[in-house]
Amino acid sequence: MNDMNSQKTGALIRAMRKEKKMTQLQLAQQLHLSDKTISKWERGDSLR
């Protein structure tokens, strides 16, 4: 995935999380992931 798509996807994840009034930690807990993973996704660093 190229950087631009990663950044757009990260921005979408962040916007949807904010719309639901969730913290990164709350989203991470629902997905059984770490909040660091959510942060990386939102920055477009990693989508794995």
PDB file of N, CA and C in Angstrom:
ATOM      1  N   MET A   1       0.861  -1.178   0.000  1.00  0.00           N
ATOM      2  CA  MET A   1       0.000   0.000   0.000  1.00  0.00           C
ATOM      3  C   MET A   1       0.901   1.233   0.000  1.00  0.00           C
ATOM      4  N   ASN A   2       0.589   2.187  -0.828  1.00  0.00           N
ATOM      5  CA  ASN A   2       1.455   3.357  -0.866  1.00  0.00           C
ATOM      6  C   ASN A   2       1.158   4.306   0.283  1.00  0.00           C
ATOM      7  N   ASP A   3       2.072   5.234   0.512  1.00  0.00           N
ATOM      8  CA  ASP A   3       1.964   6.140   1.654  1.00  0.00           C
ATOM      9  C   ASP A   3       0.694   6.981   1.636  1.00  0.00           C
ATOM     10  N   MET A   4       0.283   7.421   0.450  1.00  0.00           N
ATOM     11  CA  MET A   4      -0.895   8.273   0.364  1.00  0.00           C
ATOM     12  C   MET A   4      -2.148   7.508   0.793  1.00  0.00           C
ATOM     13  N   ASN A   5      -2.289   6.272   0.343  1.00  0.00           N
ATOM     14  CA  ASN A   5      -3.441   5.478   0.750  1.00  0.00           C
ATOM     15  C   ASN A   5      -3.403   5.177   2.235  1.00  0.00           C
ATOM     16  N   SER A   6      -2.228   4.936   2.791  1.00  0.00           N
ATOM     17  CA  SER A   6      -2.079   4.682   4.217  1.00  0.00           C
ATOM     18  C   SER A   6      -2.504   5.901   5.021  1.00  0.00           C
ATOM     19  N   GLN A   7      -2.115   7.069   4.560  1.00  0.00           N
ATOM     20  CA  GLN A   7      -2.477   8.313   5.254  1.00  0.00           C
ATOM     21  C   GLN A   7      -3.982   8.564   5.176  1.00  0.00           C
ATOM     22  N   LYS A   8      -4.570   8.325   4.018  1.00  0.00           N
ATOM     23  CA  LYS A   8      -6.019   8.515   3.866  1.00  0.00           C
ATOM     24  C   LYS A   8      -6.785   7.531   4.737  1.00  0.00           C
ATOM     25  N   THR A   9      -6.333   6.286   4.763  1.00  0.00           N
ATOM     26  CA  THR A   9      -6.989   5.269   5.583  1.00  0.00           C
ATOM     27  C   THR A   9      -6.854   5.625   7.057  1.00  0.00           C
ATOM     28  N   GLY A  10      -5.675   6.068   7.457  1.00  0.00           N
ATOM     29  CA  GLY A  10      -5.457   6.477   8.840  1.00  0.00           C
ATOM     30  C   GLY A  10      -6.352   7.637   9.242  1.00  0.00           C
ATOM     31  N   ALA A  11      -6.499   8.602   8.350  1.00  0.00           N
ATOM     32  CA  ALA A  11      -7.361   9.750   8.624  1.00  0.00           C
ATOM     33  C   ALA A  11      -8.818   9.307   8.755  1.00  0.00           C
ATOM     34  N   LEU A  12      -9.229   8.346   7.940  1.00  0.00           N
ATOM     35  CA  LEU A  12     -10.591   7.832   8.009  1.00  0.00           C
ATOM     36  C   LEU A  12     -10.829   7.099   9.334  1.00  0.00           C
ATOM     37  N   ILE A  13      -9.874   6.275   9.743  1.00  0.00           N
ATOM     38  CA  ILE A  13      -9.990   5.555  11.017  1.00  0.00           C
ATOM     39  C   ILE A  13     -10.122   6.567  12.159  1.00  0.00           C
ATOM     40  N   ARG A  14      -9.281   7.572  12.144  1.00  0.00           N
ATOM     41  CA  ARG A  14      -9.308   8.591  13.207  1.00  0.00           C
ATOM     42  C   ARG A  14     -10.639   9.337  13.219  1.00  0.00           C
ATOM     43  N   ALA A  15     -11.098   9.743  12.047  1.00  0.00           N
ATOM     44  CA  ALA A  15     -12.358  10.489  11.963  1.00  0.00           C
ATOM     45  C   ALA A  15     -13.531   9.655  12.478  1.00  0.00           C
ATOM     46  N   MET A  16     -13.562   8.394  12.104  1.00  0.00           N
ATOM     47  CA  MET A  16     -14.656   7.531  12.552  1.00  0.00           C
ATOM     48  C   MET A  16     -14.580   7.274  14.059  1.00  0.00           C
ATOM     49  N   ARG A  17     -13.367   7.119  14.567  1.00  0.00           N
ATOM     50  CA  ARG A  17     -13.182   6.917  16.009  1.00  0.00           C
ATOM     51  C   ARG A  17     -13.646   8.156  16.773  1.00  0.00           C
ATOM     52  N   LYS A  18     -13.267   9.332  16.289  1.00  0.00           N
ATOM     53  CA  LYS A  18     -13.660  10.589  16.933  1.00  0.00           C
ATOM     54  C   LYS A  18     -15.174  10.780  16.873  1.00  0.00           C
ATOM     55  N   GLU A  19     -15.773  10.412  15.737  1.00  0.00           N
ATOM     56  CA  GLU A  19     -17.227  10.533  15.570  1.00  0.00           C
ATOM     57  C   GLU A  19     -17.961   9.706  16.627  1.00  0.00           C
ATOM     58  N   LYS A  20     -17.373   8.563  16.963  1.00  0.00           N
ATOM     59  CA  LYS A  20     -17.962   7.673  17.981  1.00  0.00           C
ATOM     60  C   LYS A  20     -17.543   8.078  19.396  1.00  0.00           C
ATOM     61  N   LYS A  21     -16.743   9.167  19.484  1.00  0.00           N
ATOM     62  CA  LYS A  21     -16.259   9.676  20.772  1.00  0.00           C
ATOM     63  C   LYS A  21     -15.488   8.612  21.558  1.00  0.00           C
ATOM     64  N   MET A  22     -14.625   7.918  20.826  1.00  0.00           N
ATOM     65  CA  MET A  22     -13.803   6.863  21.424  1.00  0.00           C
ATOM     66  C   MET A  22     -12.351   7.317  21.480  1.00  0.00           C
ATOM     67  N   THR A  23     -11.649   6.852  22.500  1.00  0.00           N
ATOM     68  CA  THR A  23     -10.209   7.070  22.555  1.00  0.00           C
ATOM     69  C   THR A  23      -9.530   5.955  21.764  1.00  0.00           C
ATOM     70  N   GLN A  24      -8.255   6.146  21.493  1.00  0.00           N
ATOM     71  CA  GLN A  24      -7.495   5.087  20.838  1.00  0.00           C
ATOM     72  C   GLN A  24      -7.496   3.827  21.696  1.00  0.00           C
ATOM     73  N   LEU A  25      -7.399   4.002  23.010  1.00  0.00           N
ATOM     74  CA  LEU A  25      -7.392   2.854  23.915  1.00  0.00           C
ATOM     75  C   LEU A  25      -8.722   2.099  23.858  1.00  0.00           C
ATOM     76  N   GLN A  26      -9.830   2.820  23.841  1.00  0.00           N
ATOM     77  CA  GLN A  26     -11.143   2.170  23.772  1.00  0.00           C
ATOM     78  C   GLN A  26     -11.300   1.376  22.482  1.00  0.00           C
ATOM     79  N   LEU A  27     -10.890   1.961  21.364  1.00  0.00           N
ATOM     80  CA  LEU A  27     -10.971   1.249  20.089  1.00  0.00           C
ATOM     81  C   LEU A  27     -10.067   0.026  20.113  1.00  0.00           C
ATOM     82  N   ALA A  28      -8.870   0.191  20.631  1.00  0.00           N
ATOM     83  CA  ALA A  28      -7.930  -0.923  20.709  1.00  0.00           C
ATOM     84  C   ALA A  28      -8.498  -2.074  21.530  1.00  0.00           C
ATOM     85  N   GLN A  29      -9.126  -1.753  22.642  1.00  0.00           N
ATOM     86  CA  GLN A  29      -9.702  -2.790  23.491  1.00  0.00           C
ATOM     87  C   GLN A  29     -10.818  -3.538  22.767  1.00  0.00           C
ATOM     88  N   GLN A  30     -11.631  -2.824  22.013  1.00  0.00           N
ATOM     89  CA  GLN A  30     -12.703  -3.482  21.266  1.00  0.00           C
ATOM     90  C   GLN A  30     -12.159  -4.403  20.190  1.00  0.00           C
ATOM     91  N   LEU A  31     -11.030  -4.040  19.614  1.00  0.00           N
ATOM     92  CA  LEU A  31     -10.431  -4.825  18.530  1.00  0.00           C
ATOM     93  C   LEU A  31      -9.392  -5.822  19.034  1.00  0.00           C
ATOM     94  N   HIS A  32      -9.173  -5.844  20.354  1.00  0.00           N
ATOM     95  CA  HIS A  32      -8.177  -6.726  20.974  1.00  0.00           C
ATOM     96  C   HIS A  32      -6.783  -6.454  20.408  1.00  0.00           C
ATOM     97  N   LEU A  33      -6.445  -5.177  20.342  1.00  0.00           N
ATOM     98  CA  LEU A  33      -5.146  -4.712  19.870  1.00  0.00           C
ATOM     99  C   LEU A  33      -4.575  -3.742  20.901  1.00  0.00           C
ATOM    100  N   SER A  34      -3.361  -3.280  20.672  1.00  0.00           N
ATOM    101  CA  SER A  34      -2.790  -2.265  21.555  1.00  0.00           C
ATOM    102  C   SER A  34      -3.152  -0.875  21.036  1.00  0.00           C
ATOM    103  N   ASP A  35      -3.155   0.090  21.943  1.00  0.00           N
ATOM    104  CA  ASP A  35      -3.425   1.464  21.523  1.00  0.00           C
ATOM    105  C   ASP A  35      -2.295   1.979  20.637  1.00  0.00           C
ATOM    106  N   LYS A  36      -1.103   1.408  20.777  1.00  0.00           N
ATOM    107  CA  LYS A  36       0.008   1.796  19.901  1.00  0.00           C
ATOM    108  C   LYS A  36      -0.276   1.393  18.449  1.00  0.00           C
ATOM    109  N   THR A  37      -0.954   0.274  18.256  1.00  0.00           N
ATOM    110  CA  THR A  37      -1.327  -0.165  16.909  1.00  0.00           C
ATOM    111  C   THR A  37      -2.300   0.829  16.286  1.00  0.00           C
ATOM    112  N   ILE A  38      -3.295   1.248  17.049  1.00  0.00           N
ATOM    113  CA  ILE A  38      -4.271   2.227  16.555  1.00  0.00           C
ATOM    114  C   ILE A  38      -3.555   3.519  16.186  1.00  0.00           C
ATOM    115  N   SER A  39      -2.641   3.952  17.026  1.00  0.00           N
ATOM    116  CA  SER A  39      -1.877   5.168  16.750  1.00  0.00           C
ATOM    117  C   SER A  39      -1.097   5.048  15.447  1.00  0.00           C
ATOM    118  N   LYS A  40      -0.453   3.915  15.238  1.00  0.00           N
ATOM    119  CA  LYS A  40       0.297   3.692  13.993  1.00  0.00           C
ATOM    120  C   LYS A  40      -0.633   3.729  12.790  1.00  0.00           C
ATOM    121  N   TRP A  41      -1.797   3.090  12.922  1.00  0.00           N
ATOM    122  CA  TRP A  41      -2.769   3.107  11.819  1.00  0.00           C
ATOM    123  C   TRP A  41      -3.149   4.539  11.479  1.00  0.00           C
ATOM    124  N   GLU A  42      -3.478   5.315  12.515  1.00  0.00           N
ATOM    125  CA  GLU A  42      -3.948   6.687  12.287  1.00  0.00           C
ATOM    126  C   GLU A  42      -2.873   7.582  11.693  1.00  0.00           C
ATOM    127  N   ARG A  43      -1.629   7.303  11.991  1.00  0.00           N
ATOM    128  CA  ARG A  43      -0.531   8.070  11.408  1.00  0.00           C
ATOM    129  C   ARG A  43      -0.176   7.584  10.011  1.00  0.00           C
ATOM    130  N   GLY A  44      -0.734   6.445   9.615  1.00  0.00           N
ATOM    131  CA  GLY A  44      -0.421   5.883   8.306  1.00  0.00           C
ATOM    132  C   GLY A  44       0.899   5.143   8.300  1.00  0.00           C
ATOM    133  N   ASP A  45       1.418   4.825   9.495  1.00  0.00           N
ATOM    134  CA  ASP A  45       2.698   4.123   9.579  1.00  0.00           C
ATOM    135  C   ASP A  45       2.566   2.647   9.253  1.00  0.00           C
ATOM    136  N   SER A  46       1.433   2.047   9.604  1.00  0.00           N
ATOM    137  CA  SER A  46       1.270   0.621   9.412  1.00  0.00           C
ATOM    138  C   SER A  46      -0.212   0.278   9.397  1.00  0.00           C
ATOM    139  N   LEU A  47      -0.589  -0.571   8.486  1.00  0.00           N
ATOM    140  CA  LEU A  47      -1.994  -0.994   8.438  1.00  0.00           C
ATOM    141  C   LEU A  47      -2.088  -2.502   8.634  1.00  0.00           C
ATOM    142  N   ARG A  48      -1.111  -3.096   9.268  1.00  0.00           N
ATOM    143  CA  ARG A  48      -1.108  -4.536   9.502  1.00  0.00           C
ATOM    144  C   ARG A  48      -1.604  -4.858  10.865  1.00  0.00           C
TER     145      ARG A  48
END
